[in-house]
Amino acid sequence: MRQLTDQEQLKLKALTAYSVPLTLIEPTRTGLEKSIMDATGPVRQFLLDTNLHNFQDQGQGQEHKVPDRFTVYSRRQQRAIERFVVSTYN
């Protein structure tokens, strides 16, 4: 993962000061182009700890996809919130 900018570090510090649960992700170019990412260990643990998703309880393959709605805060549009559906599968 790349080093966070000073501004990103300040935002992270503010969120953690208010005990906002979060995890950081850095999509690859391929992941963005294909709209797919692997759930790394820290992401899987975050989803489990926050009761959002448990990969251990999910079957493998496309037929076991679980669509969920997530909210992402974007720097593209200041203060804009993007909502999208994420499908998780093993």
Protein backbone atom coordinates (compact mmCIF):
# COMPACT_ATOMS: atom_id res chain seq x y z
CA MET A 1 0.00 0.00 0.00
CA ARG A 2 1.28 3.46 -0.84
CA GLN A 3 2.13 5.99 1.85
CA LEU A 4 -0.79 8.23 2.78
CA THR A 5 -0.59 11.93 2.00
CA ASP A 6 -0.55 14.41 4.88
CA GLN A 7 -4.19 15.28 4.15
CA GLU A 8 -5.19 11.60 4.12
CA GLN A 9 -3.36 11.05 7.41
CA LEU A 10 -5.26 13.95 9.00
CA LYS A 11 -8.58 12.54 7.80
CA LEU A 12 -7.67 9.08 9.05
CA LYS A 13 -6.70 10.53 12.42
CA ALA A 14 -10.02 12.41 12.64
CA LEU A 15 -12.03 9.30 11.82
CA THR A 16 -10.16 7.13 14.30
CA ALA A 17 -10.51 9.83 16.98
CA TYR A 18 -14.27 9.32 16.69
CA SER A 19 -13.89 5.52 16.62
CA VAL A 20 -15.23 5.25 13.07
CA PRO A 21 -14.64 1.68 11.88
CA LEU A 22 -12.75 1.65 8.60
CA THR A 23 -10.32 -0.20 6.44
CA LEU A 24 -8.10 1.14 3.71
CA ILE A 25 -8.06 -0.29 0.21
CA GLU A 26 -5.94 0.58 -2.79
CA PRO A 27 -7.41 -0.79 -6.00
CA THR A 28 -5.06 -1.74 -8.80
CA ARG A 29 -5.49 -0.44 -12.34
CA THR A 30 -6.66 -3.90 -13.40
CA GLY A 31 -9.11 -4.01 -10.51
CA LEU A 32 -10.56 -0.66 -11.52
CA GLU A 33 -10.79 -1.64 -15.20
CA LYS A 34 -12.50 -4.95 -14.41
CA SER A 35 -14.46 -3.62 -11.42
CA ILE A 36 -13.14 -6.44 -9.28
CA MET A 37 -10.88 -6.66 -6.26
CA ASP A 38 -9.65 -9.42 -4.04
CA ALA A 39 -10.60 -9.09 -0.40
CA THR A 40 -7.26 -9.04 1.37
CA GLY A 41 -6.86 -10.38 4.88
CA PRO A 42 -7.37 -6.96 6.53
CA VAL A 43 -10.49 -6.29 4.42
CA ARG A 44 -11.94 -9.72 5.24
CA GLN A 45 -11.25 -9.13 8.93
CA PHE A 46 -12.85 -5.66 8.81
CA LEU A 47 -15.98 -7.06 7.16
CA LEU A 48 -16.13 -9.83 9.77
CA ASP A 49 -15.48 -7.51 12.75
CA THR A 50 -18.20 -5.10 11.62
CA ASN A 51 -20.68 -7.91 10.87
CA LEU A 52 -20.90 -6.85 7.23
CA HIS A 53 -19.78 -10.15 5.70
CA ASN A 54 -18.26 -13.47 6.71
CA PHE A 55 -16.43 -15.21 3.88
CA GLN A 56 -16.18 -18.42 5.94
CA ASP A 57 -19.98 -18.80 5.84
CA GLN A 58 -20.20 -18.25 2.09
CA GLY A 59 -20.06 -20.95 -0.55
CA GLN A 60 -17.63 -20.71 -3.45
CA GLY A 61 -18.41 -19.54 -6.96
CA GLN A 62 -20.61 -17.05 -8.78
CA GLU A 63 -23.81 -18.78 -7.65
CA HIS A 64 -23.02 -17.76 -4.05
CA LYS A 65 -22.47 -14.04 -4.71
CA VAL A 66 -23.86 -11.79 -2.01
CA PRO A 67 -24.83 -8.28 -3.19
CA ASP A 68 -24.52 -5.58 -0.51
CA ARG A 69 -24.88 -1.81 -0.59
CA PHE A 70 -21.88 0.19 0.60
CA THR A 71 -21.22 3.88 0.95
CA VAL A 72 -17.91 5.31 -0.16
CA TYR A 73 -16.67 8.79 0.55
CA SER A 74 -15.01 10.14 -2.55
CA ARG A 75 -12.39 12.82 -3.05
CA ARG A 76 -13.60 13.29 -6.64
CA GLN A 77 -16.49 15.40 -5.45
CA GLN A 78 -15.90 17.07 -2.13
CA ARG A 79 -18.42 15.93 0.45
CA ALA A 80 -20.14 13.72 -2.13
CA ILE A 81 -21.16 10.25 -1.11
CA GLU A 82 -21.18 7.48 -3.67
CA ARG A 83 -23.37 4.45 -3.12
CA PHE A 84 -22.87 1.24 -5.02
CA VAL A 85 -23.55 -2.46 -4.85
CA VAL A 86 -20.67 -4.81 -4.07
CA SER A 87 -20.96 -8.52 -4.70
CA THR A 88 -18.81 -10.72 -2.52
CA TYR A 89 -17.97 -14.28 -3.41
CA ASN A 90 -15.28 -16.87 -2.73
